[in-house]
Amino acid sequence: MTSTPDPGPDPEGTVPDVAQAADSGTGDQVDVRSLARQRPAAPAWLLATEIDGPAGEVFTASPVPGPQPRAFGGDVLLRVAPGAGPEPGTAISVAVWAVAAGVLVPVAAWDLPDDGSWPERIRATVTFAMSALTELGEHAGLGELDAVDLDAVPRTAVPGLPWPLAGNRRVAAVG
């Protein structure tokens, strides 16, 4: 299990953003629970890297870097952004996405109160998505080498899994 300690407040008393936390010498993984104490100033993509055990246990993610963020088949992503609450800073928007066969697949999305509890509220969904893609990957190609442009979400997002998945053994055996 890999977990990154909470980077804590910076000298000015504010919690560093995801990119700063990722570059803090603790590796590129961030404990998602530590992100819950931060308010995202702008939308950010996070790659779910590990989730294990019951609530309160390991839940890590890595910021997706670059001005043109990319993901690959089999990835499970979180999109964290300021939410549309009654007052600025009172809500957070969180979405879970999966990547399969060269497309982004929306899994679930929430507008939640920014009370720090959002990681545990989405935990079961992230666990399900990671497990489902792992299982699918054992039977079909998910396009693990095909980059998907995360800036093109509205153009490439599809409801449900694309079919046929690349290298589907049943389809290949029948055809």
N, C-alpha and C. Protein backbone atom coordinates (compact mmCIF):
# COMPACT_ATOMS: atom_id res chain seq x y z
N MET A 1 0.83 -1.17 0.00
CA MET A 1 0.00 0.00 0.00
C MET A 1 0.88 1.24 0.00
N THR A 2 0.49 2.18 -0.79
CA THR A 2 1.22 3.44 -0.84
C THR A 2 0.30 4.54 -0.38
N SER A 3 0.78 5.35 0.51
CA SER A 3 -0.02 6.47 0.97
C SER A 3 0.91 7.64 1.19
N THR A 4 0.42 8.81 0.96
CA THR A 4 1.20 10.02 1.13
C THR A 4 0.65 10.77 2.32
N PRO A 5 1.54 11.22 3.21
CA PRO A 5 1.04 11.97 4.35
C PRO A 5 0.42 13.29 3.92
N ASP A 6 -0.47 13.79 4.74
CA ASP A 6 -1.11 15.08 4.49
C ASP A 6 -0.03 16.15 4.49
N PRO A 7 0.05 16.97 3.40
CA PRO A 7 1.09 17.97 3.36
C PRO A 7 0.91 19.07 4.41
N GLY A 8 -0.29 19.23 4.93
CA GLY A 8 -0.55 20.23 5.96
C GLY A 8 -0.52 21.65 5.42
N PRO A 9 -0.75 22.61 6.29
CA PRO A 9 -0.78 24.01 5.84
C PRO A 9 0.60 24.49 5.44
N ASP A 10 0.64 25.39 4.48
CA ASP A 10 1.91 25.99 4.12
C ASP A 10 2.18 27.15 5.07
N PRO A 11 3.34 27.80 4.96
CA PRO A 11 3.67 28.84 5.94
C PRO A 11 2.64 29.96 6.04
N GLU A 12 1.92 30.27 4.97
CA GLU A 12 0.93 31.33 5.04
C GLU A 12 -0.36 30.87 5.70
N GLY A 13 -0.45 29.58 6.04
CA GLY A 13 -1.63 29.08 6.72
C GLY A 13 -2.70 28.51 5.80
N THR A 14 -2.43 28.44 4.50
CA THR A 14 -3.39 27.83 3.59
C THR A 14 -2.85 26.49 3.14
N VAL A 15 -3.73 25.60 2.81
CA VAL A 15 -3.32 24.28 2.36
C VAL A 15 -2.88 24.38 0.91
N PRO A 16 -1.73 23.76 0.53
CA PRO A 16 -1.26 23.87 -0.84
C PRO A 16 -2.20 23.18 -1.81
N ASP A 17 -2.16 23.62 -3.08
CA ASP A 17 -3.01 22.99 -4.08
C ASP A 17 -2.46 21.62 -4.44
N VAL A 18 -3.22 20.88 -5.26
CA VAL A 18 -2.85 19.51 -5.61
C VAL A 18 -1.48 19.43 -6.24
N ALA A 19 -1.16 20.33 -7.17
CA ALA A 19 0.13 20.28 -7.84
C ALA A 19 1.27 20.50 -6.85
N GLN A 20 1.11 21.44 -5.92
CA GLN A 20 2.15 21.67 -4.94
C GLN A 20 2.29 20.46 -4.02
N ALA A 21 1.19 19.86 -3.62
CA ALA A 21 1.25 18.70 -2.75
C ALA A 21 1.95 17.55 -3.47
N ALA A 22 1.71 17.41 -4.75
CA ALA A 22 2.32 16.33 -5.50
C ALA A 22 3.82 16.53 -5.63
N ASP A 23 4.28 17.78 -5.65
CA ASP A 23 5.70 18.05 -5.80
C ASP A 23 6.40 18.25 -4.46
N SER A 24 5.78 17.88 -3.37
CA SER A 24 6.34 18.16 -2.05
C SER A 24 7.39 17.16 -1.61
N GLY A 25 7.87 16.29 -2.53
CA GLY A 25 8.89 15.34 -2.17
C GLY A 25 8.32 14.03 -1.66
N THR A 26 7.04 13.91 -1.60
CA THR A 26 6.41 12.68 -1.09
C THR A 26 5.93 11.81 -2.24
N GLY A 27 6.39 12.08 -3.47
CA GLY A 27 5.94 11.33 -4.63
C GLY A 27 4.77 12.03 -5.28
N ASP A 28 4.23 11.40 -6.32
CA ASP A 28 3.15 12.06 -7.03
C ASP A 28 1.78 11.62 -6.56
N GLN A 29 1.72 10.75 -5.55
CA GLN A 29 0.42 10.33 -5.02
C GLN A 29 0.03 11.22 -3.86
N VAL A 30 -1.27 11.49 -3.78
CA VAL A 30 -1.82 12.33 -2.73
C VAL A 30 -2.94 11.55 -2.05
N ASP A 31 -2.99 11.62 -0.73
CA ASP A 31 -4.10 11.02 0.00
C ASP A 31 -5.34 11.85 -0.32
N VAL A 32 -6.34 11.23 -0.93
CA VAL A 32 -7.53 11.95 -1.35
C VAL A 32 -8.23 12.61 -0.16
N ARG A 33 -8.16 12.00 1.01
CA ARG A 33 -8.79 12.60 2.19
C ARG A 33 -8.15 13.94 2.53
N SER A 34 -6.84 14.11 2.26
CA SER A 34 -6.20 15.39 2.53
C SER A 34 -6.71 16.46 1.56
N LEU A 35 -7.11 16.04 0.36
CA LEU A 35 -7.66 17.00 -0.61
C LEU A 35 -9.00 17.55 -0.15
N ALA A 36 -9.70 16.80 0.66
CA ALA A 36 -11.03 17.22 1.11
C ALA A 36 -10.96 18.47 1.98
N ARG A 37 -9.80 18.73 2.56
CA ARG A 37 -9.64 19.92 3.40
C ARG A 37 -9.27 21.14 2.58
N GLN A 38 -9.11 20.95 1.26
CA GLN A 38 -8.76 22.04 0.36
C GLN A 38 -9.99 22.42 -0.46
N ARG A 39 -10.03 23.62 -0.89
CA ARG A 39 -11.10 24.06 -1.79
C ARG A 39 -10.48 24.25 -3.16
N PRO A 40 -10.92 23.49 -4.15
CA PRO A 40 -10.31 23.64 -5.48
C PRO A 40 -10.61 25.03 -6.06
N ALA A 41 -9.57 25.69 -6.51
CA ALA A 41 -9.74 27.00 -7.14
C ALA A 41 -10.18 26.85 -8.59
N ALA A 42 -9.79 25.73 -9.18
CA ALA A 42 -10.11 25.45 -10.58
C ALA A 42 -10.32 23.95 -10.72
N PRO A 43 -11.00 23.51 -11.77
CA PRO A 43 -11.18 22.07 -11.97
C PRO A 43 -9.83 21.36 -12.10
N ALA A 44 -9.76 20.16 -11.56
CA ALA A 44 -8.53 19.36 -11.63
C ALA A 44 -8.88 17.90 -11.87
N TRP A 45 -8.06 17.23 -12.68
CA TRP A 45 -8.18 15.80 -12.93
C TRP A 45 -7.24 15.07 -11.99
N LEU A 46 -7.74 13.99 -11.37
CA LEU A 46 -6.93 13.13 -10.52
C LEU A 46 -7.08 11.70 -11.00
N LEU A 47 -5.98 10.97 -11.08
CA LEU A 47 -6.00 9.56 -11.44
C LEU A 47 -6.05 8.75 -10.16
N ALA A 48 -7.12 7.98 -9.96
CA ALA A 48 -7.24 7.13 -8.77
C ALA A 48 -6.17 6.05 -8.88
N THR A 49 -5.29 5.97 -7.88
CA THR A 49 -4.18 5.03 -7.94
C THR A 49 -4.35 3.84 -7.01
N GLU A 50 -5.00 4.05 -5.87
CA GLU A 50 -5.19 2.94 -4.94
C GLU A 50 -6.33 3.25 -4.00
N ILE A 51 -7.13 2.23 -3.77
CA ILE A 51 -8.21 2.34 -2.79
C ILE A 51 -8.30 0.96 -2.15
N ASP A 52 -8.24 0.94 -0.83
CA ASP A 52 -8.16 -0.34 -0.15
C ASP A 52 -8.79 -0.24 1.23
N GLY A 53 -9.42 -1.30 1.62
CA GLY A 53 -9.96 -1.39 2.96
C GLY A 53 -11.23 -0.60 3.17
N PRO A 54 -11.69 -0.57 4.40
CA PRO A 54 -12.94 0.13 4.74
C PRO A 54 -12.74 1.64 4.74
N ALA A 55 -13.81 2.34 4.99
CA ALA A 55 -13.77 3.81 5.05
C ALA A 55 -12.65 4.25 5.97
N GLY A 56 -11.96 5.28 5.56
CA GLY A 56 -10.86 5.81 6.36
C GLY A 56 -9.52 5.17 6.05
N GLU A 57 -9.49 4.16 5.22
CA GLU A 57 -8.23 3.51 4.86
C GLU A 57 -7.65 4.16 3.61
N VAL A 58 -6.72 3.49 2.95
CA VAL A 58 -6.00 4.03 1.82
C VAL A 58 -6.93 4.47 0.69
N PHE A 59 -6.73 5.68 0.20
CA PHE A 59 -7.45 6.22 -0.95
C PHE A 59 -6.52 7.28 -1.54
N THR A 60 -5.75 6.89 -2.56
CA THR A 60 -4.78 7.81 -3.13
C THR A 60 -5.08 8.09 -4.60
N ALA A 61 -4.57 9.23 -5.04
CA ALA A 61 -4.73 9.65 -6.43
C ALA A 61 -3.49 10.45 -6.81
N SER A 62 -3.27 10.58 -8.10
CA SER A 62 -2.19 11.39 -8.63
C SER A 62 -2.77 12.47 -9.52
N PRO A 63 -2.28 13.69 -9.39
CA PRO A 63 -2.74 14.74 -10.32
C PRO A 63 -2.35 14.36 -11.74
N VAL A 64 -3.23 14.58 -12.69
CA VAL A 64 -2.92 14.34 -14.10
C VAL A 64 -2.20 15.59 -14.59
N PRO A 65 -0.93 15.46 -14.97
CA PRO A 65 -0.13 16.65 -15.29
C PRO A 65 -0.36 17.18 -16.70
N GLY A 66 0.17 18.36 -16.88
CA GLY A 66 0.29 18.93 -18.21
C GLY A 66 -0.81 19.85 -18.65
N PRO A 67 -0.46 20.67 -19.62
CA PRO A 67 -1.46 21.57 -20.20
C PRO A 67 -2.46 20.81 -21.07
N GLN A 68 -2.10 19.61 -21.52
CA GLN A 68 -3.00 18.75 -22.29
C GLN A 68 -3.09 17.41 -21.56
N PRO A 69 -3.88 17.33 -20.50
CA PRO A 69 -3.92 16.10 -19.71
C PRO A 69 -4.46 14.91 -20.52
N ARG A 70 -3.85 13.75 -20.28
CA ARG A 70 -4.21 12.53 -20.98
C ARG A 70 -4.45 11.41 -19.98
N ALA A 71 -5.30 10.46 -20.37
CA ALA A 71 -5.54 9.24 -19.60
C ALA A 71 -5.54 8.08 -20.59
N PHE A 72 -5.49 6.87 -20.06
CA PHE A 72 -5.39 5.67 -20.89
C PHE A 72 -6.42 4.64 -20.46
N GLY A 73 -6.71 3.71 -21.36
CA GLY A 73 -7.69 2.67 -21.08
C GLY A 73 -7.40 1.97 -19.76
N GLY A 74 -8.42 1.79 -18.96
CA GLY A 74 -8.30 1.15 -17.65
C GLY A 74 -8.15 2.15 -16.52
N ASP A 75 -7.95 3.42 -16.83
CA ASP A 75 -7.82 4.44 -15.79
C ASP A 75 -9.17 4.81 -15.20
N VAL A 76 -9.17 5.13 -13.91
CA VAL A 76 -10.34 5.69 -13.23
C VAL A 76 -9.90 7.07 -12.75
N LEU A 77 -10.69 8.07 -13.11
CA LEU A 77 -10.34 9.46 -12.83
C LEU A 77 -11.37 10.14 -11.96
N LEU A 78 -10.91 11.13 -11.22
CA LEU A 78 -11.79 12.01 -10.46
C LEU A 78 -11.65 13.40 -11.06
N ARG A 79 -12.75 14.08 -11.23
CA ARG A 79 -12.74 15.47 -11.68
C ARG A 79 -13.30 16.28 -10.52
N VAL A 80 -12.45 17.09 -9.90
CA VAL A 80 -12.82 17.86 -8.73
C VAL A 80 -12.83 19.33 -9.14
N ALA A 81 -13.92 20.03 -8.82
CA ALA A 81 -14.06 21.43 -9.21
C ALA A 81 -14.89 22.17 -8.16
N PRO A 82 -14.78 23.49 -8.15
CA PRO A 82 -15.67 24.26 -7.27
C PRO A 82 -17.12 23.96 -7.65
N GLY A 83 -17.96 23.81 -6.66
CA GLY A 83 -19.36 23.51 -6.93
C GLY A 83 -20.21 24.76 -6.96
N ALA A 84 -21.45 24.57 -7.36
CA ALA A 84 -22.40 25.67 -7.43
C ALA A 84 -23.23 25.69 -6.17
N GLY A 85 -22.67 26.23 -5.10
CA GLY A 85 -23.39 26.31 -3.84
C GLY A 85 -24.02 27.66 -3.66
N PRO A 86 -24.80 27.83 -2.60
CA PRO A 86 -25.47 29.10 -2.35
C PRO A 86 -24.47 30.24 -2.12
N GLU A 87 -23.30 29.91 -1.58
CA GLU A 87 -22.24 30.89 -1.37
C GLU A 87 -20.95 30.32 -1.92
N PRO A 88 -20.07 31.15 -2.44
CA PRO A 88 -18.79 30.65 -2.95
C PRO A 88 -18.04 29.87 -1.87
N GLY A 89 -17.46 28.72 -2.28
CA GLY A 89 -16.68 27.91 -1.36
C GLY A 89 -17.49 26.99 -0.48
N THR A 90 -18.80 26.86 -0.70
CA THR A 90 -19.61 26.00 0.16
C THR A 90 -19.97 24.67 -0.48
N ALA A 91 -19.62 24.49 -1.76
CA ALA A 91 -19.95 23.24 -2.45
C ALA A 91 -18.77 22.80 -3.31
N ILE A 92 -18.74 21.53 -3.59
CA ILE A 92 -17.70 20.96 -4.44
C ILE A 92 -18.37 20.02 -5.44
N SER A 93 -17.89 20.04 -6.65
CA SER A 93 -18.39 19.17 -7.70
C SER A 93 -17.36 18.06 -7.89
N VAL A 94 -17.80 16.81 -7.79
CA VAL A 94 -16.90 15.67 -7.93
C VAL A 94 -17.54 14.70 -8.93
N ALA A 95 -16.75 14.25 -9.89
CA ALA A 95 -17.23 13.27 -10.86
C ALA A 95 -16.22 12.14 -10.97
N VAL A 96 -16.71 10.93 -11.18
CA VAL A 96 -15.86 9.76 -11.40
C VAL A 96 -16.02 9.36 -12.86
N TRP A 97 -14.89 9.16 -13.53
CA TRP A 97 -14.85 8.79 -14.94
C TRP A 97 -14.00 7.54 -15.11
N ALA A 98 -14.33 6.72 -16.10
CA ALA A 98 -13.52 5.57 -16.48
C ALA A 98 -13.07 5.79 -17.92
N VAL A 99 -11.96 5.19 -18.28
CA VAL A 99 -11.46 5.28 -19.64
C VAL A 99 -11.43 3.86 -20.20
N ALA A 100 -12.08 3.66 -21.35
CA ALA A 100 -12.11 2.34 -21.99
C ALA A 100 -12.21 2.52 -23.49
N ALA A 101 -11.40 1.76 -24.20
CA ALA A 101 -11.45 1.72 -25.67
C ALA A 101 -11.39 3.10 -26.31
N GLY A 102 -10.55 3.97 -25.76
CA GLY A 102 -10.33 5.28 -26.35
C GLY A 102 -11.37 6.34 -26.05
N VAL A 103 -12.27 6.09 -25.12
CA VAL A 103 -13.29 7.09 -24.77
C VAL A 103 -13.40 7.24 -23.25
N LEU A 104 -13.90 8.39 -22.83
CA LEU A 104 -14.21 8.64 -21.43
C LEU A 104 -15.63 8.21 -21.16
N VAL A 105 -15.83 7.50 -20.07
CA VAL A 105 -17.15 7.00 -19.71
C VAL A 105 -17.54 7.63 -18.36
N PRO A 106 -18.60 8.44 -18.33
CA PRO A 106 -19.02 8.99 -17.03
C PRO A 106 -19.58 7.88 -16.15
N VAL A 107 -19.12 7.83 -14.92
CA VAL A 107 -19.58 6.81 -13.98
C VAL A 107 -20.60 7.42 -13.02
N ALA A 108 -20.25 8.54 -12.39
CA ALA A 108 -21.17 9.21 -11.46
C ALA A 108 -20.67 10.63 -11.22
N ALA A 109 -21.57 11.51 -10.79
CA ALA A 109 -21.20 12.89 -10.49
C ALA A 109 -22.06 13.40 -9.34
N TRP A 110 -21.46 14.26 -8.54
CA TRP A 110 -22.15 14.82 -7.39
C TRP A 110 -21.82 16.29 -7.25
N ASP A 111 -22.76 17.06 -6.74
CA ASP A 111 -22.51 18.39 -6.20
C ASP A 111 -22.76 18.23 -4.71
N LEU A 112 -21.68 18.35 -3.94
CA LEU A 112 -21.74 18.05 -2.52
C LEU A 112 -21.39 19.27 -1.67
N PRO A 113 -21.85 19.29 -0.43
CA PRO A 113 -21.41 20.35 0.47
C PRO A 113 -19.90 20.20 0.67
N ASP A 114 -19.20 21.30 0.72
CA ASP A 114 -17.75 21.25 0.91
C ASP A 114 -17.44 21.18 2.40
N ASP A 115 -17.81 20.02 2.99
CA ASP A 115 -17.61 19.83 4.43
C ASP A 115 -16.49 18.84 4.72
N GLY A 116 -15.74 18.45 3.69
CA GLY A 116 -14.61 17.54 3.87
C GLY A 116 -14.96 16.07 3.81
N SER A 117 -16.23 15.73 3.64
CA SER A 117 -16.63 14.32 3.66
C SER A 117 -16.72 13.69 2.27
N TRP A 118 -16.46 14.45 1.21
CA TRP A 118 -16.68 13.92 -0.13
C TRP A 118 -15.85 12.68 -0.47
N PRO A 119 -14.60 12.51 0.00
CA PRO A 119 -13.89 11.29 -0.39
C PRO A 119 -14.58 10.00 0.06
N GLU A 120 -15.13 10.01 1.27
CA GLU A 120 -15.80 8.80 1.74
C GLU A 120 -17.16 8.62 1.06
N ARG A 121 -17.78 9.71 0.61
CA ARG A 121 -19.06 9.60 -0.09
C ARG A 121 -18.89 9.00 -1.48
N ILE A 122 -17.74 9.18 -2.11
CA ILE A 122 -17.52 8.65 -3.45
C ILE A 122 -16.72 7.35 -3.45
N ARG A 123 -16.23 6.94 -2.29
CA ARG A 123 -15.34 5.78 -2.16
C ARG A 123 -15.90 4.51 -2.81
N ALA A 124 -17.14 4.17 -2.53
CA ALA A 124 -17.72 2.93 -3.07
C ALA A 124 -17.79 2.97 -4.59
N THR A 125 -18.09 4.12 -5.15
CA THR A 125 -18.17 4.26 -6.61
C THR A 125 -16.80 4.10 -7.25
N VAL A 126 -15.78 4.70 -6.65
CA VAL A 126 -14.42 4.57 -7.18
C VAL A 126 -13.96 3.12 -7.07
N THR A 127 -14.25 2.48 -5.95
CA THR A 127 -13.89 1.06 -5.77
C THR A 127 -14.56 0.21 -6.85
N PHE A 128 -15.85 0.45 -7.07
CA PHE A 128 -16.58 -0.30 -8.10
C PHE A 128 -15.95 -0.09 -9.48
N ALA A 129 -15.69 1.16 -9.85
CA ALA A 129 -15.14 1.45 -11.17
C ALA A 129 -13.77 0.80 -11.36
N MET A 130 -12.92 0.89 -10.34
CA MET A 130 -11.59 0.28 -10.45
C MET A 130 -11.70 -1.24 -10.57
N SER A 131 -12.57 -1.85 -9.78
CA SER A 131 -12.76 -3.31 -9.84
C SER A 131 -13.35 -3.75 -11.17
N ALA A 132 -14.34 -3.01 -11.66
CA ALA A 132 -14.97 -3.37 -12.94
C ALA A 132 -13.97 -3.29 -14.08
N LEU A 133 -13.16 -2.24 -14.12
CA LEU A 133 -12.18 -2.12 -15.20
C LEU A 133 -11.10 -3.18 -15.09
N THR A 134 -10.71 -3.53 -13.88
CA THR A 134 -9.73 -4.61 -13.71
C THR A 134 -10.28 -5.91 -14.26
N GLU A 135 -11.52 -6.23 -13.92
CA GLU A 135 -12.15 -7.46 -14.40
C GLU A 135 -12.33 -7.43 -15.92
N LEU A 136 -12.83 -6.32 -16.46
CA LEU A 136 -12.99 -6.20 -17.91
C LEU A 136 -11.65 -6.34 -18.63
N GLY A 137 -10.61 -5.77 -18.04
CA GLY A 137 -9.29 -5.83 -18.66
C GLY A 137 -8.74 -7.24 -18.76
N GLU A 138 -9.25 -8.17 -17.96
CA GLU A 138 -8.82 -9.56 -18.04
C GLU A 138 -9.47 -10.29 -19.22
N HIS A 139 -10.53 -9.72 -19.78
CA HIS A 139 -11.28 -10.37 -20.85
C HIS A 139 -11.33 -9.60 -22.15
N ALA A 140 -10.96 -8.32 -22.11
CA ALA A 140 -11.03 -7.49 -23.31
C ALA A 140 -9.97 -6.40 -23.22
N GLY A 141 -9.55 -5.94 -24.38
CA GLY A 141 -8.60 -4.84 -24.41
C GLY A 141 -9.31 -3.53 -24.08
N LEU A 142 -8.74 -2.77 -23.17
CA LEU A 142 -9.33 -1.50 -22.78
C LEU A 142 -8.65 -0.31 -23.45
N GLY A 143 -7.69 -0.59 -24.33
CA GLY A 143 -6.97 0.49 -24.99
C GLY A 143 -5.94 1.12 -24.07
N GLU A 144 -5.21 0.29 -23.33
CA GLU A 144 -4.26 0.77 -22.34
C GLU A 144 -3.17 1.66 -22.93
N LEU A 145 -2.92 1.56 -24.22
CA LEU A 145 -1.88 2.38 -24.86
C LEU A 145 -2.45 3.55 -25.64
N ASP A 146 -3.78 3.67 -25.68
CA ASP A 146 -4.43 4.74 -26.43
C ASP A 146 -4.73 5.93 -25.53
N ALA A 147 -4.06 7.04 -25.80
CA ALA A 147 -4.27 8.25 -25.00
C ALA A 147 -5.62 8.89 -25.30
N VAL A 148 -6.27 9.37 -24.26
CA VAL A 148 -7.54 10.07 -24.38
C VAL A 148 -7.32 11.48 -23.85
N ASP A 149 -7.71 12.47 -24.64
CA ASP A 149 -7.56 13.87 -24.29
C ASP A 149 -8.63 14.26 -23.28
N LEU A 150 -8.22 14.61 -22.06
CA LEU A 150 -9.18 14.95 -21.02
C LEU A 150 -9.80 16.33 -21.23
N ASP A 151 -9.17 17.16 -22.04
CA ASP A 151 -9.76 18.46 -22.36
C ASP A 151 -10.94 18.32 -23.31
N ALA A 152 -11.07 17.15 -23.94
CA ALA A 152 -12.13 16.94 -24.93
C ALA A 152 -13.30 16.15 -24.34
N VAL A 153 -13.52 16.25 -23.04
CA VAL A 153 -14.57 15.47 -22.37
C VAL A 153 -15.92 15.59 -23.07
N PRO A 154 -16.41 16.79 -23.37
CA PRO A 154 -17.75 16.86 -23.98
C PRO A 154 -17.83 16.15 -25.33
N ARG A 155 -16.72 16.10 -26.06
CA ARG A 155 -16.75 15.47 -27.38
C ARG A 155 -16.60 13.96 -27.33
N THR A 156 -15.93 13.43 -26.28
CA THR A 156 -15.64 12.00 -26.28
C THR A 156 -16.40 11.20 -25.23
N ALA A 157 -17.06 11.85 -24.30
CA ALA A 157 -17.76 11.13 -23.25
C ALA A 157 -18.97 10.41 -23.82
N VAL A 158 -19.12 9.14 -23.43
CA VAL A 158 -20.25 8.35 -23.88
C VAL A 158 -20.90 7.67 -22.69
N PRO A 159 -22.22 7.56 -22.68
CA PRO A 159 -22.84 6.81 -21.59
C PRO A 159 -22.65 5.32 -21.84
N GLY A 160 -22.25 4.61 -20.84
CA GLY A 160 -22.03 3.18 -20.98
C GLY A 160 -20.71 2.86 -21.63
N LEU A 161 -20.34 1.60 -21.61
CA LEU A 161 -19.06 1.18 -22.19
C LEU A 161 -19.16 1.08 -23.70
N PRO A 162 -18.11 1.49 -24.40
CA PRO A 162 -18.11 1.34 -25.85
C PRO A 162 -18.08 -0.15 -26.22
N TRP A 163 -18.78 -0.51 -27.27
CA TRP A 163 -18.81 -1.92 -27.67
C TRP A 163 -18.58 -2.03 -29.15
N PRO A 164 -17.82 -2.95 -29.63
CA PRO A 164 -17.09 -3.93 -28.83
C PRO A 164 -15.81 -3.33 -28.28
N LEU A 165 -15.42 -3.80 -27.12
CA LEU A 165 -14.14 -3.39 -26.56
C LEU A 165 -13.04 -4.01 -27.42
N ALA A 166 -11.95 -3.31 -27.56
CA ALA A 166 -10.84 -3.79 -28.40
C ALA A 166 -10.38 -5.16 -27.93
N GLY A 167 -10.24 -6.07 -28.85
CA GLY A 167 -9.72 -7.39 -28.54
C GLY A 167 -10.66 -8.27 -27.75
N ASN A 168 -11.95 -8.01 -27.80
CA ASN A 168 -12.90 -8.83 -27.08
C ASN A 168 -12.79 -10.26 -27.57
N ARG A 169 -12.46 -11.18 -26.69
CA ARG A 169 -12.20 -12.57 -27.07
C ARG A 169 -13.43 -13.27 -27.62
N ARG A 170 -14.59 -13.00 -27.05
CA ARG A 170 -15.81 -13.66 -27.56
C ARG A 170 -16.16 -13.19 -28.96
N VAL A 171 -16.05 -11.89 -29.18
CA VAL A 171 -16.35 -11.35 -30.52
C VAL A 171 -15.33 -11.89 -31.53
N ALA A 172 -14.06 -11.93 -31.15
CA ALA A 172 -13.02 -12.41 -32.05
C ALA A 172 -13.21 -13.90 -32.36
N ALA A 173 -13.65 -14.70 -31.36
CA ALA A 173 -13.84 -16.12 -31.59
C ALA A 173 -15.02 -16.39 -32.50
N VAL A 174 -16.08 -15.58 -32.40
CA VAL A 174 -17.27 -15.78 -33.21
C VAL A 174 -17.03 -15.30 -34.64
N GLY A 175 -16.37 -14.13 -34.78
CA GLY A 175 -16.16 -13.49 -36.07
C GLY A 175 -15.09 -14.12 -36.81
